[in-house]
Each structure stands twice: as C-alpha cells, then as structure tokens.
C-alpha cells in the first residue's frame, strides 16, 4: 500500500477548509505559474496543474503541494539532506528572521504571522491582489535579506502592531523597485543566489499560509 506523502498536518487541514483560489495561488508559486522549477519533478508539476485545471484538489495533490513547498524551505535553511520536510513552525521562524523581524525565536506563531503579513502587505492585506502579494514577497530586497520588517510596521495607541496604510505600503514597495540591491546581491556568490531562489518559493508560501491563518484559524481545529 502506498504511504501518504509527508507534509505538515495542520496546513493540510487548513487548505482542505479554504477556497480553491488560495490553493491555486500556492500551486502557481510552486510551479512558477506552470513553467516549472529545476528542483520540482515534472510528475508533481503535472499532477498539480491538472488538478488546478479540473478545479478539484485531491488529498494526494495537496500533500504533494505542501511536501514540495516545505522541501524548498529546507533548501533555504541549507537542510537539503533532511529525510523529512521541515515543519511549518520552523519555516515560519526562518522567514520572520529573513525579514529581519525581532525576537523571532521568542514570539508565538500568531504574532510572527501577523508581523509578516502586515509588513509585506500593509493594512489592506485582505484586498491586495494575488500578483501584488507575490511581487512583494519576491522583491530582490526581500529575498536577499535586506528588507526591514520594522520599517513597515507601526504600533497603535493600544500597543498592537499594525501595518502601514495602503498608500504608505504601496510607496514603500515602490521605493524598493526604484532602489534595487542587484549590485549587492551579485557580490554574494552562487550559494546565496541558490538560497535566494529557494526563498522566492518559501517567503510567498509562508506569507500566504500566515494570511490564511489570520482569516480562518478560528474555524480550524488547532
């Protein structure tokens, strides 16, 4: 009997209880909009694209999707030789650190998720278009580790962390495009370029799951 593909059981439950467009987004991220990626097998890519076209994701398909996304997180953490994909909590902490968040290992998951979502997407995180969220998550400054999370967060009068206004958030990312760090990244070397490619999958993956948790977690059994 074929053993189920290993993946994080909580995220699997989350995806089973969310709308198809959210799964579509993660399939697009993993497959690079259907073009495929070097580390992604053609059989997995074909399975996911077929299920996306049919508007019907099987548990097998979801498991493959999450397994591969978690494996990319292992690459970004230089854990290529692990026998199992890294759990969501470790990937979440790694992305929070990558965005230069404070006290990444001390904060709980919900706090890290909220800070990731608000710093990348701003106050309008629920209405931001998919392509805009993906672009923000894969900006050169973001994937190369030069993004400063705290610059895109504010504290309200109750002491809670909030994102920048829609206008301020757009302006912040427009500034990133005007001042790219390509010259800096080009001096880092091939190894870090490879890590950067892994983060082009891991950051949008974790940011999207964080967003889903903010939307749906009260409805999903922990």
N, C-alpha and C. Protein backbone atom coordinates (compact mmCIF):
# COMPACT_ATOMS: atom_id res chain seq x y z
N UNK A 1 0.84 -1.19 0.00
CA UNK A 1 0.00 0.00 0.00
C UNK A 1 0.88 1.24 0.00
N UNK A 2 0.56 2.19 -0.85
CA UNK A 2 1.36 3.41 -0.97
C UNK A 2 1.21 4.27 0.28
N UNK A 3 2.35 4.68 0.84
CA UNK A 3 2.33 5.53 2.02
C UNK A 3 2.01 6.98 1.62
N UNK A 4 1.20 7.68 2.43
CA UNK A 4 0.89 9.08 2.11
C UNK A 4 2.14 9.94 2.13
N UNK A 5 2.20 10.90 1.23
CA UNK A 5 3.32 11.84 1.19
C UNK A 5 3.31 12.67 2.47
N UNK A 6 4.48 12.82 3.08
CA UNK A 6 4.55 13.54 4.35
C UNK A 6 4.44 15.04 4.14
N UNK A 7 3.64 15.68 4.99
CA UNK A 7 3.52 17.14 4.97
C UNK A 7 3.00 17.58 6.33
N UNK A 8 2.98 18.88 6.57
CA UNK A 8 2.50 19.41 7.84
C UNK A 8 0.99 19.17 7.94
N UNK A 9 0.53 18.42 8.94
CA UNK A 9 -0.90 18.07 9.03
C UNK A 9 -1.79 19.28 9.28
N UNK A 10 -1.28 20.28 10.00
CA UNK A 10 -2.12 21.45 10.27
C UNK A 10 -2.38 22.24 8.99
N UNK A 11 -1.35 22.45 8.18
CA UNK A 11 -1.55 23.22 6.95
C UNK A 11 -2.43 22.42 5.99
N UNK A 12 -2.29 21.10 6.00
CA UNK A 12 -3.16 20.26 5.18
C UNK A 12 -4.62 20.48 5.56
N UNK A 13 -4.90 20.50 6.85
CA UNK A 13 -6.26 20.75 7.33
C UNK A 13 -6.73 22.14 6.92
N UNK A 14 -5.83 23.11 7.01
CA UNK A 14 -6.16 24.48 6.65
C UNK A 14 -6.56 24.57 5.18
N UNK A 15 -5.78 23.94 4.29
CA UNK A 15 -6.08 24.00 2.87
C UNK A 15 -7.37 23.26 2.51
N UNK A 16 -7.66 22.21 3.24
CA UNK A 16 -8.90 21.47 2.99
C UNK A 16 -10.14 22.31 3.33
N UNK A 17 -9.94 23.33 4.14
CA UNK A 17 -11.06 24.14 4.59
C UNK A 17 -11.02 25.57 4.03
N UNK A 18 -10.27 25.77 2.98
CA UNK A 18 -10.20 27.10 2.38
C UNK A 18 -10.70 27.04 0.94
N UNK A 19 -10.79 28.18 0.30
CA UNK A 19 -11.32 28.24 -1.07
C UNK A 19 -10.23 27.83 -2.07
N UNK A 20 -10.67 27.41 -3.24
CA UNK A 20 -9.76 26.90 -4.25
C UNK A 20 -8.75 27.94 -4.72
N UNK A 21 -9.15 29.21 -4.75
CA UNK A 21 -8.23 30.22 -5.28
C UNK A 21 -6.98 30.35 -4.42
N UNK A 22 -7.10 30.06 -3.12
CA UNK A 22 -5.92 30.11 -2.25
C UNK A 22 -4.96 28.96 -2.57
N UNK A 23 -5.51 27.80 -2.87
CA UNK A 23 -4.67 26.67 -3.27
C UNK A 23 -4.05 26.94 -4.64
N UNK A 24 -4.85 27.51 -5.53
CA UNK A 24 -4.33 27.88 -6.86
C UNK A 24 -3.09 28.76 -6.73
N UNK A 25 -3.16 29.71 -5.83
CA UNK A 25 -2.04 30.64 -5.63
C UNK A 25 -0.77 29.89 -5.24
N UNK A 26 -0.90 28.94 -4.31
CA UNK A 26 0.27 28.17 -3.87
C UNK A 26 0.79 27.27 -4.99
N UNK A 27 -0.11 26.73 -5.81
CA UNK A 27 0.33 25.94 -6.97
C UNK A 27 1.11 26.82 -7.93
N UNK A 28 0.63 28.04 -8.16
CA UNK A 28 1.34 28.97 -9.05
C UNK A 28 2.72 29.31 -8.50
N UNK A 29 2.80 29.51 -7.18
CA UNK A 29 4.09 29.82 -6.56
C UNK A 29 5.06 28.66 -6.75
N UNK A 30 4.59 27.45 -6.45
CA UNK A 30 5.47 26.28 -6.53
C UNK A 30 5.91 26.00 -7.96
N UNK A 31 4.98 26.10 -8.91
CA UNK A 31 5.29 25.73 -10.30
C UNK A 31 5.77 26.91 -11.12
N UNK A 32 5.91 28.08 -10.51
CA UNK A 32 6.29 29.31 -11.23
C UNK A 32 5.33 29.56 -12.38
N UNK A 33 4.05 29.61 -12.00
CA UNK A 33 2.97 29.85 -12.98
C UNK A 33 2.94 28.80 -14.08
N UNK A 34 3.26 27.56 -13.70
CA UNK A 34 3.17 26.46 -14.65
C UNK A 34 4.43 26.20 -15.45
N UNK A 35 5.42 27.07 -15.32
CA UNK A 35 6.66 26.89 -16.10
C UNK A 35 7.54 25.79 -15.53
N UNK A 36 7.38 25.52 -14.24
CA UNK A 36 8.20 24.51 -13.59
C UNK A 36 9.46 25.08 -12.98
N UNK A 37 10.05 24.34 -12.07
CA UNK A 37 11.29 24.75 -11.42
C UNK A 37 12.27 23.59 -11.47
N UNK A 38 13.56 23.90 -11.37
CA UNK A 38 14.60 22.89 -11.50
C UNK A 38 14.43 21.78 -10.47
N UNK A 39 14.11 22.15 -9.23
CA UNK A 39 14.03 21.15 -8.16
C UNK A 39 12.66 20.50 -8.06
N UNK A 40 11.74 20.83 -8.96
CA UNK A 40 10.39 20.27 -8.92
C UNK A 40 10.24 19.22 -10.01
N UNK A 41 9.83 18.02 -9.61
CA UNK A 41 9.68 16.94 -10.60
C UNK A 41 8.52 17.25 -11.54
N UNK A 42 8.66 16.82 -12.78
CA UNK A 42 7.63 17.07 -13.78
C UNK A 42 6.33 16.35 -13.42
N UNK A 43 6.44 15.19 -12.77
CA UNK A 43 5.23 14.43 -12.42
C UNK A 43 4.39 15.18 -11.39
N UNK A 44 5.04 15.78 -10.39
CA UNK A 44 4.32 16.55 -9.38
C UNK A 44 3.73 17.81 -10.02
N UNK A 45 4.52 18.48 -10.85
CA UNK A 45 4.03 19.68 -11.52
C UNK A 45 2.79 19.35 -12.35
N UNK A 46 2.86 18.26 -13.13
CA UNK A 46 1.74 17.89 -13.99
C UNK A 46 0.50 17.54 -13.16
N UNK A 47 0.70 16.83 -12.05
CA UNK A 47 -0.43 16.47 -11.17
C UNK A 47 -1.13 17.73 -10.66
N UNK A 48 -0.35 18.66 -10.16
CA UNK A 48 -0.93 19.87 -9.57
C UNK A 48 -1.61 20.74 -10.62
N UNK A 49 -1.00 20.87 -11.78
CA UNK A 49 -1.61 21.69 -12.83
C UNK A 49 -2.89 21.04 -13.37
N UNK A 50 -2.90 19.71 -13.41
CA UNK A 50 -4.11 19.01 -13.85
C UNK A 50 -5.25 19.22 -12.85
N UNK A 51 -4.94 19.08 -11.56
CA UNK A 51 -5.99 19.27 -10.56
C UNK A 51 -6.44 20.72 -10.50
N UNK A 52 -5.53 21.64 -10.73
CA UNK A 52 -5.92 23.06 -10.78
C UNK A 52 -6.89 23.29 -11.94
N UNK A 53 -6.59 22.74 -13.09
CA UNK A 53 -7.45 22.91 -14.27
C UNK A 53 -8.83 22.28 -14.05
N UNK A 54 -8.86 21.17 -13.32
CA UNK A 54 -10.11 20.46 -13.07
C UNK A 54 -10.90 21.06 -11.91
N UNK A 55 -10.30 22.03 -11.21
CA UNK A 55 -10.92 22.68 -10.05
C UNK A 55 -11.29 21.66 -8.97
N UNK A 56 -10.41 20.71 -8.76
CA UNK A 56 -10.66 19.65 -7.77
C UNK A 56 -9.33 19.11 -7.26
N UNK A 57 -8.97 19.50 -6.04
CA UNK A 57 -7.71 19.07 -5.46
C UNK A 57 -7.94 17.85 -4.56
N UNK A 58 -7.23 16.78 -4.85
CA UNK A 58 -7.28 15.57 -4.02
C UNK A 58 -6.35 15.74 -2.82
N UNK A 59 -6.54 14.89 -1.82
CA UNK A 59 -5.63 14.93 -0.68
C UNK A 59 -4.21 14.59 -1.14
N UNK A 60 -4.09 13.67 -2.08
CA UNK A 60 -2.77 13.34 -2.62
C UNK A 60 -2.11 14.57 -3.24
N UNK A 61 -2.88 15.32 -4.02
CA UNK A 61 -2.34 16.53 -4.63
C UNK A 61 -1.93 17.56 -3.60
N UNK A 62 -2.76 17.75 -2.58
CA UNK A 62 -2.44 18.72 -1.53
C UNK A 62 -1.20 18.29 -0.76
N UNK A 63 -1.07 17.01 -0.51
CA UNK A 63 0.11 16.51 0.21
C UNK A 63 1.38 16.75 -0.61
N UNK A 64 1.32 16.49 -1.90
CA UNK A 64 2.47 16.75 -2.76
C UNK A 64 2.80 18.24 -2.78
N UNK A 65 1.78 19.07 -2.87
CA UNK A 65 1.98 20.52 -2.89
C UNK A 65 2.71 20.98 -1.63
N UNK A 66 2.21 20.57 -0.47
CA UNK A 66 2.82 21.02 0.78
C UNK A 66 4.19 20.40 1.00
N UNK A 67 4.34 19.13 0.64
CA UNK A 67 5.64 18.48 0.79
C UNK A 67 6.70 19.24 0.02
N UNK A 68 6.39 19.59 -1.23
CA UNK A 68 7.37 20.31 -2.05
C UNK A 68 7.64 21.71 -1.51
N UNK A 69 6.60 22.41 -1.08
CA UNK A 69 6.78 23.75 -0.52
C UNK A 69 7.64 23.69 0.74
N UNK A 70 7.41 22.69 1.57
CA UNK A 70 8.22 22.54 2.78
C UNK A 70 9.65 22.14 2.45
N UNK A 71 9.82 21.37 1.38
CA UNK A 71 11.17 21.00 0.94
C UNK A 71 11.96 22.23 0.50
N UNK A 72 11.32 23.16 -0.19
CA UNK A 72 12.00 24.40 -0.57
C UNK A 72 12.45 25.15 0.67
N UNK A 73 11.66 25.09 1.72
CA UNK A 73 12.07 25.71 2.98
C UNK A 73 13.30 25.05 3.54
N UNK A 74 13.43 23.73 3.35
CA UNK A 74 14.64 23.04 3.77
C UNK A 74 15.85 23.52 3.00
N UNK A 75 15.67 23.81 1.70
CA UNK A 75 16.79 24.33 0.91
C UNK A 75 17.21 25.70 1.41
N UNK A 76 16.25 26.54 1.75
CA UNK A 76 16.58 27.88 2.20
C UNK A 76 17.27 27.85 3.56
N UNK A 77 17.05 26.77 4.32
CA UNK A 77 17.72 26.62 5.61
C UNK A 77 18.97 25.73 5.48
N UNK A 78 19.37 25.45 4.26
CA UNK A 78 20.52 24.59 3.99
C UNK A 78 20.36 23.25 4.67
N UNK A 79 19.16 22.68 4.55
CA UNK A 79 18.86 21.37 5.12
C UNK A 79 18.45 20.41 4.01
N UNK A 80 19.19 20.41 2.92
CA UNK A 80 18.82 19.65 1.74
C UNK A 80 18.77 18.14 2.03
N UNK A 81 19.56 17.68 2.99
CA UNK A 81 19.68 16.24 3.21
C UNK A 81 18.79 15.73 4.34
N UNK A 82 17.81 16.52 4.77
CA UNK A 82 16.86 16.03 5.75
C UNK A 82 15.99 14.94 5.14
N UNK A 83 15.61 13.98 5.96
CA UNK A 83 14.76 12.89 5.46
C UNK A 83 13.29 13.30 5.38
N UNK A 84 12.90 14.36 6.10
CA UNK A 84 11.53 14.82 6.10
C UNK A 84 11.50 16.32 5.88
N UNK A 85 10.40 16.85 5.31
CA UNK A 85 10.31 18.29 5.11
C UNK A 85 10.23 19.02 6.45
N UNK A 86 10.75 20.22 6.49
CA UNK A 86 10.74 20.98 7.72
C UNK A 86 9.31 21.36 8.12
N UNK A 87 8.99 21.32 9.42
CA UNK A 87 7.65 21.69 9.87
C UNK A 87 7.39 23.19 9.68
N UNK A 88 6.12 23.51 9.61
CA UNK A 88 5.71 24.89 9.37
C UNK A 88 6.30 25.86 10.39
N UNK A 89 6.31 25.48 11.66
CA UNK A 89 6.78 26.40 12.70
C UNK A 89 8.24 26.82 12.47
N UNK A 90 9.07 25.89 11.99
CA UNK A 90 10.47 26.23 11.71
C UNK A 90 10.59 27.13 10.49
N UNK A 91 9.79 26.86 9.47
CA UNK A 91 9.81 27.68 8.27
C UNK A 91 9.31 29.09 8.59
N UNK A 92 8.27 29.18 9.42
CA UNK A 92 7.73 30.48 9.82
C UNK A 92 8.80 31.31 10.54
N UNK A 93 9.51 30.69 11.47
CA UNK A 93 10.56 31.39 12.20
C UNK A 93 11.67 31.83 11.27
N UNK A 94 12.04 30.98 10.32
CA UNK A 94 13.10 31.32 9.37
C UNK A 94 12.71 32.52 8.51
N UNK A 95 11.48 32.54 8.01
CA UNK A 95 11.04 33.67 7.18
C UNK A 95 10.96 34.94 8.01
N UNK A 96 10.48 34.84 9.23
CA UNK A 96 10.42 36.01 10.12
C UNK A 96 11.82 36.59 10.32
N UNK A 97 12.79 35.72 10.53
CA UNK A 97 14.19 36.15 10.67
C UNK A 97 14.71 36.74 9.37
N UNK A 98 14.35 36.12 8.25
CA UNK A 98 14.81 36.60 6.94
C UNK A 98 14.34 38.02 6.67
N UNK A 99 13.16 38.36 7.18
CA UNK A 99 12.61 39.70 7.02
C UNK A 99 13.09 40.64 8.12
N UNK A 100 14.07 40.16 8.89
CA UNK A 100 14.69 40.94 9.96
C UNK A 100 13.70 41.32 11.06
N UNK A 101 12.81 40.36 11.36
CA UNK A 101 11.90 40.55 12.49
C UNK A 101 12.64 40.41 13.81
N UNK A 102 12.09 41.00 14.84
CA UNK A 102 12.71 40.96 16.16
C UNK A 102 12.22 39.76 16.97
N UNK A 103 13.14 39.17 17.74
CA UNK A 103 12.81 38.09 18.68
C UNK A 103 12.06 36.94 17.99
N UNK A 104 12.56 36.51 16.83
CA UNK A 104 11.86 35.50 16.04
C UNK A 104 11.67 34.19 16.78
N UNK A 105 12.62 33.81 17.60
CA UNK A 105 12.52 32.53 18.30
C UNK A 105 11.68 32.62 19.57
N UNK A 106 11.41 33.84 20.04
CA UNK A 106 10.67 34.01 21.29
C UNK A 106 9.17 34.22 21.06
N UNK A 107 8.81 34.81 19.94
CA UNK A 107 7.40 35.13 19.69
C UNK A 107 6.62 33.90 19.29
N UNK A 108 5.31 33.90 19.58
CA UNK A 108 4.48 32.77 19.18
C UNK A 108 4.16 32.85 17.69
N UNK A 109 3.62 31.77 17.16
CA UNK A 109 3.36 31.71 15.72
C UNK A 109 2.41 32.80 15.25
N UNK A 110 1.35 33.04 16.01
CA UNK A 110 0.35 34.02 15.59
C UNK A 110 0.95 35.41 15.48
N UNK A 111 1.83 35.77 16.40
CA UNK A 111 2.48 37.09 16.37
C UNK A 111 3.39 37.20 15.15
N UNK A 112 4.18 36.16 14.90
CA UNK A 112 5.08 36.18 13.73
C UNK A 112 4.28 36.24 12.43
N UNK A 113 3.20 35.49 12.37
CA UNK A 113 2.36 35.52 11.17
C UNK A 113 1.80 36.91 10.92
N UNK A 114 1.30 37.53 11.97
CA UNK A 114 0.71 38.86 11.83
C UNK A 114 1.76 39.87 11.37
N UNK A 115 2.95 39.80 11.94
CA UNK A 115 4.00 40.75 11.57
C UNK A 115 4.46 40.54 10.13
N UNK A 116 4.55 39.30 9.69
CA UNK A 116 4.93 39.01 8.30
C UNK A 116 3.89 39.58 7.35
N UNK A 117 2.63 39.28 7.60
CA UNK A 117 1.55 39.71 6.71
C UNK A 117 1.44 41.23 6.66
N UNK A 118 1.45 41.88 7.82
CA UNK A 118 1.27 43.33 7.85
C UNK A 118 2.48 44.08 7.28
N UNK A 119 3.68 43.55 7.50
CA UNK A 119 4.86 44.25 6.99
C UNK A 119 4.96 44.12 5.47
N UNK A 120 4.53 43.00 4.92
CA UNK A 120 4.62 42.81 3.47
C UNK A 120 3.42 43.39 2.73
N UNK A 121 2.22 43.28 3.33
CA UNK A 121 1.00 43.62 2.60
C UNK A 121 0.28 44.86 3.12
N UNK A 122 0.65 45.35 4.30
CA UNK A 122 0.02 46.54 4.83
C UNK A 122 -1.38 46.30 5.36
N UNK A 123 -2.07 47.42 5.67
CA UNK A 123 -3.41 47.33 6.24
C UNK A 123 -4.42 46.69 5.29
N UNK A 124 -4.17 46.78 4.00
CA UNK A 124 -5.13 46.24 3.03
C UNK A 124 -4.78 44.80 2.64
N UNK A 125 -4.21 44.04 3.56
CA UNK A 125 -3.74 42.70 3.27
C UNK A 125 -4.84 41.77 2.76
N UNK A 126 -6.08 42.03 3.15
CA UNK A 126 -7.17 41.15 2.71
C UNK A 126 -7.61 41.43 1.27
N UNK A 127 -7.36 42.63 0.79
CA UNK A 127 -7.85 43.00 -0.54
C UNK A 127 -6.74 43.11 -1.59
N UNK A 128 -5.49 42.96 -1.18
CA UNK A 128 -4.39 43.08 -2.12
C UNK A 128 -4.47 41.95 -3.15
N UNK A 129 -4.26 42.28 -4.42
CA UNK A 129 -4.34 41.28 -5.49
C UNK A 129 -3.24 40.23 -5.35
N UNK A 130 -3.52 39.02 -5.81
CA UNK A 130 -2.56 37.92 -5.72
C UNK A 130 -1.21 38.30 -6.33
N UNK A 131 -1.25 38.89 -7.53
CA UNK A 131 0.01 39.19 -8.22
C UNK A 131 0.83 40.23 -7.45
N UNK A 132 0.14 41.15 -6.77
CA UNK A 132 0.84 42.16 -5.99
C UNK A 132 1.49 41.54 -4.75
N UNK A 133 0.78 40.62 -4.10
CA UNK A 133 1.36 39.94 -2.93
C UNK A 133 2.58 39.12 -3.35
N UNK A 134 2.47 38.43 -4.46
CA UNK A 134 3.59 37.62 -4.94
C UNK A 134 4.78 38.51 -5.28
N UNK A 135 4.53 39.62 -5.95
CA UNK A 135 5.62 40.54 -6.30
C UNK A 135 6.32 41.07 -5.06
N UNK A 136 5.55 41.41 -4.06
CA UNK A 136 6.16 41.94 -2.84
C UNK A 136 7.01 40.88 -2.14
N UNK A 137 6.52 39.65 -2.13
CA UNK A 137 7.25 38.56 -1.45
C UNK A 137 8.54 38.19 -2.17
N UNK A 138 8.63 38.51 -3.46
CA UNK A 138 9.81 38.10 -4.24
C UNK A 138 10.65 39.29 -4.71
N UNK A 139 10.40 40.47 -4.14
CA UNK A 139 11.27 41.61 -4.42
C UNK A 139 12.72 41.21 -4.07
N UNK A 140 13.67 41.69 -4.86
CA UNK A 140 15.08 41.34 -4.62
C UNK A 140 15.51 41.68 -3.20
N UNK A 141 15.08 42.83 -2.71
CA UNK A 141 15.48 43.24 -1.36
C UNK A 141 14.88 42.31 -0.30
N UNK A 142 13.71 41.76 -0.59
CA UNK A 142 13.05 40.85 0.35
C UNK A 142 13.77 39.51 0.40
N UNK A 143 13.99 38.88 -0.77
CA UNK A 143 14.57 37.54 -0.80
C UNK A 143 16.05 37.55 -0.45
N UNK A 144 16.70 38.70 -0.58
CA UNK A 144 18.14 38.75 -0.28
C UNK A 144 18.42 39.13 1.16
N UNK A 145 17.37 39.42 1.95
CA UNK A 145 17.56 39.66 3.38
C UNK A 145 17.78 41.11 3.77
N UNK A 146 17.53 42.05 2.85
CA UNK A 146 17.73 43.46 3.14
C UNK A 146 16.44 44.18 3.52
N UNK A 147 15.31 43.46 3.52
CA UNK A 147 14.03 44.04 3.91
C UNK A 147 14.02 44.23 5.43
N UNK A 148 13.54 45.38 5.88
CA UNK A 148 13.46 45.67 7.32
C UNK A 148 12.00 45.67 7.74
N UNK A 149 11.57 44.59 8.35
CA UNK A 149 10.19 44.44 8.75
C UNK A 149 9.69 45.61 9.59
N UNK A 150 10.50 46.06 10.52
CA UNK A 150 10.06 47.11 11.44
C UNK A 150 9.75 48.42 10.72
N UNK A 151 10.37 48.64 9.57
CA UNK A 151 10.10 49.87 8.82
C UNK A 151 8.69 49.89 8.25
N UNK A 152 8.06 48.73 8.14
CA UNK A 152 6.72 48.63 7.57
C UNK A 152 5.66 48.28 8.61
N UNK A 153 6.00 48.45 9.88
CA UNK A 153 5.05 48.19 10.95
C UNK A 153 4.94 49.41 11.85
N UNK A 154 3.76 49.57 12.45
CA UNK A 154 3.54 50.64 13.41
C UNK A 154 2.89 50.06 14.66
N UNK A 155 2.96 50.79 15.73
CA UNK A 155 2.30 50.40 16.98
C UNK A 155 1.15 51.39 17.22
N UNK A 156 -0.06 50.87 17.42
CA UNK A 156 -1.18 51.78 17.67
C UNK A 156 -1.23 52.21 19.13
N UNK A 157 -2.22 53.01 19.48
CA UNK A 157 -2.29 53.56 20.85
C UNK A 157 -2.61 52.51 21.89
N UNK A 158 -2.97 51.29 21.45
CA UNK A 158 -3.22 50.19 22.38
C UNK A 158 -2.01 49.26 22.49
N UNK A 159 -0.94 49.61 21.78
CA UNK A 159 0.27 48.81 21.83
C UNK A 159 0.29 47.64 20.87
N UNK A 160 -0.70 47.56 19.96
CA UNK A 160 -0.76 46.46 19.00
C UNK A 160 -0.02 46.82 17.72
N UNK A 161 0.61 45.81 17.11
CA UNK A 161 1.31 46.01 15.85
C UNK A 161 0.30 46.11 14.72
N UNK A 162 0.43 47.13 13.87
CA UNK A 162 -0.44 47.28 12.71
C UNK A 162 0.43 47.56 11.49
N UNK A 163 -0.11 47.30 10.32
CA UNK A 163 0.63 47.56 9.09
C UNK A 163 0.51 49.00 8.65
N UNK A 164 1.31 49.37 7.68
CA UNK A 164 1.21 50.71 7.10
C UNK A 164 -0.12 50.85 6.37
N UNK A 165 -0.56 52.10 6.20
CA UNK A 165 -1.76 52.35 5.41
C UNK A 165 -1.53 51.86 3.99
N UNK A 166 -2.60 51.73 3.23
CA UNK A 166 -2.49 51.24 1.86
C UNK A 166 -1.54 52.11 1.04
N UNK A 167 -1.70 53.44 1.15
CA UNK A 167 -0.86 54.36 0.37
C UNK A 167 0.60 54.26 0.79
N UNK A 168 0.86 54.20 2.10
CA UNK A 168 2.23 54.14 2.60
C UNK A 168 2.88 52.81 2.23
N UNK A 169 2.10 51.73 2.25
CA UNK A 169 2.63 50.42 1.90
C UNK A 169 3.02 50.36 0.42
N UNK A 170 2.16 50.92 -0.45
CA UNK A 170 2.47 50.97 -1.87
C UNK A 170 3.73 51.79 -2.11
N UNK A 171 3.85 52.93 -1.41
CA UNK A 171 5.01 53.79 -1.57
C UNK A 171 6.28 53.10 -1.12
N UNK A 172 6.20 52.32 -0.04
CA UNK A 172 7.38 51.62 0.48
C UNK A 172 7.91 50.62 -0.54
N UNK A 173 7.01 49.87 -1.19
CA UNK A 173 7.46 48.89 -2.17
C UNK A 173 7.83 49.52 -3.49
N UNK A 174 7.24 50.66 -3.80
CA UNK A 174 7.68 51.40 -4.99
C UNK A 174 9.12 51.85 -4.81
N UNK A 175 9.47 52.23 -3.56
CA UNK A 175 10.84 52.65 -3.27
C UNK A 175 11.81 51.49 -3.44
N UNK A 176 11.37 50.28 -3.11
CA UNK A 176 12.23 49.10 -3.30
C UNK A 176 12.56 48.91 -4.77
N UNK A 177 11.56 49.15 -5.63
CA UNK A 177 11.78 48.96 -7.07
C UNK A 177 12.69 50.04 -7.64
N UNK A 178 12.64 51.22 -7.03
CA UNK A 178 13.48 52.31 -7.51
C UNK A 178 14.92 52.16 -7.07
N UNK A 179 15.13 51.43 -5.97
CA UNK A 179 16.47 51.27 -5.42
C UNK A 179 16.77 49.79 -5.21
N UNK A 180 16.90 49.03 -6.29
CA UNK A 180 17.18 47.59 -6.17
C UNK A 180 18.56 47.34 -5.58
N UNK A 181 18.76 46.12 -5.11
CA UNK A 181 20.05 45.78 -4.49
C UNK A 181 20.78 44.76 -5.35
N UNK A 182 20.54 44.81 -6.65
CA UNK A 182 21.15 43.83 -7.55
C UNK A 182 22.67 43.83 -7.44
N UNK A 183 23.25 45.00 -7.35
CA UNK A 183 24.71 45.09 -7.28
C UNK A 183 25.24 44.43 -6.01
N UNK A 184 24.49 44.59 -4.92
CA UNK A 184 24.91 43.97 -3.66
C UNK A 184 24.77 42.46 -3.76
N UNK A 185 23.63 42.02 -4.28
CA UNK A 185 23.38 40.58 -4.36
C UNK A 185 24.39 39.90 -5.27
N UNK A 186 24.81 40.58 -6.33
CA UNK A 186 25.72 39.96 -7.29
C UNK A 186 27.07 39.66 -6.68
N UNK A 187 27.39 40.28 -5.55
CA UNK A 187 28.68 40.03 -4.91
C UNK A 187 28.60 38.91 -3.87
N UNK A 188 27.42 38.40 -3.63
CA UNK A 188 27.25 37.43 -2.57
C UNK A 188 27.75 36.05 -2.97
N UNK A 189 27.58 35.69 -4.25
CA UNK A 189 28.07 34.39 -4.72
C UNK A 189 26.96 33.43 -5.06
N UNK A 190 27.36 32.34 -5.71
CA UNK A 190 26.40 31.37 -6.23
C UNK A 190 25.58 30.71 -5.13
N UNK A 191 26.20 30.38 -4.00
CA UNK A 191 25.47 29.68 -2.94
C UNK A 191 24.29 30.51 -2.46
N UNK A 192 24.51 31.80 -2.21
CA UNK A 192 23.42 32.63 -1.75
C UNK A 192 22.40 32.93 -2.84
N UNK A 193 22.82 32.88 -4.09
CA UNK A 193 21.85 33.02 -5.18
C UNK A 193 20.89 31.83 -5.16
N UNK A 194 21.43 30.64 -4.87
CA UNK A 194 20.60 29.45 -4.78
C UNK A 194 19.62 29.58 -3.62
N UNK A 195 20.09 30.10 -2.47
CA UNK A 195 19.21 30.32 -1.35
C UNK A 195 18.14 31.33 -1.70
N UNK A 196 18.52 32.35 -2.46
CA UNK A 196 17.56 33.36 -2.88
C UNK A 196 16.44 32.75 -3.70
N UNK A 197 16.79 31.82 -4.57
CA UNK A 197 15.77 31.15 -5.38
C UNK A 197 14.83 30.34 -4.49
N UNK A 198 15.38 29.68 -3.46
CA UNK A 198 14.53 28.94 -2.53
C UNK A 198 13.57 29.87 -1.81
N UNK A 199 14.07 31.04 -1.40
CA UNK A 199 13.21 31.99 -0.70
C UNK A 199 12.14 32.58 -1.61
N UNK A 200 12.35 32.55 -2.92
CA UNK A 200 11.30 33.01 -3.84
C UNK A 200 10.08 32.09 -3.80
N UNK A 201 10.26 30.91 -3.25
CA UNK A 201 9.15 30.00 -3.02
C UNK A 201 8.70 30.06 -1.57
N UNK A 202 9.67 30.01 -0.66
CA UNK A 202 9.35 29.89 0.76
C UNK A 202 8.66 31.13 1.32
N UNK A 203 9.12 32.32 0.95
CA UNK A 203 8.51 33.54 1.51
C UNK A 203 7.06 33.71 1.09
N UNK A 204 6.73 33.61 -0.23
CA UNK A 204 5.31 33.71 -0.57
C UNK A 204 4.46 32.58 0.01
N UNK A 205 5.05 31.39 0.15
CA UNK A 205 4.34 30.27 0.77
C UNK A 205 3.99 30.58 2.22
N UNK A 206 4.98 30.96 3.00
CA UNK A 206 4.74 31.23 4.42
C UNK A 206 3.86 32.46 4.61
N UNK A 207 4.07 33.48 3.80
CA UNK A 207 3.23 34.68 3.91
C UNK A 207 1.77 34.34 3.61
N UNK A 208 1.54 33.46 2.64
CA UNK A 208 0.17 33.12 2.28
C UNK A 208 -0.49 32.27 3.36
N UNK A 209 0.24 31.30 3.88
CA UNK A 209 -0.32 30.48 4.96
C UNK A 209 -0.57 31.34 6.19
N UNK A 210 0.32 32.29 6.46
CA UNK A 210 0.11 33.21 7.58
C UNK A 210 -1.17 34.01 7.37
N UNK A 211 -1.40 34.46 6.16
CA UNK A 211 -2.61 35.21 5.84
C UNK A 211 -3.85 34.33 6.03
N UNK A 212 -3.76 33.08 5.58
CA UNK A 212 -4.88 32.16 5.75
C UNK A 212 -5.18 31.92 7.22
N UNK A 213 -4.13 31.81 8.03
CA UNK A 213 -4.35 31.62 9.46
C UNK A 213 -5.05 32.83 10.07
N UNK A 214 -4.70 34.02 9.62
CA UNK A 214 -5.37 35.22 10.12
C UNK A 214 -6.84 35.25 9.69
N UNK A 215 -7.14 34.67 8.53
CA UNK A 215 -8.51 34.65 8.03
C UNK A 215 -9.34 33.52 8.63
N UNK A 216 -8.72 32.32 8.75
CA UNK A 216 -9.51 31.13 9.01
C UNK A 216 -9.19 30.40 10.32
N UNK A 217 -8.09 30.71 10.98
CA UNK A 217 -7.67 29.87 12.10
C UNK A 217 -8.73 29.69 13.18
N UNK A 218 -9.61 30.68 13.46
CA UNK A 218 -10.64 30.41 14.48
C UNK A 218 -11.60 29.29 14.08
N UNK A 219 -11.65 29.00 12.74
CA UNK A 219 -12.59 27.99 12.25
C UNK A 219 -11.95 26.61 12.14
N UNK A 220 -10.62 26.54 12.33
CA UNK A 220 -9.91 25.27 12.14
C UNK A 220 -9.46 24.75 13.49
N UNK A 221 -9.66 23.47 13.72
CA UNK A 221 -9.22 22.87 15.00
C UNK A 221 -7.71 22.92 15.07
N UNK A 222 -7.17 23.42 16.17
CA UNK A 222 -5.72 23.51 16.33
C UNK A 222 -5.16 22.15 16.72
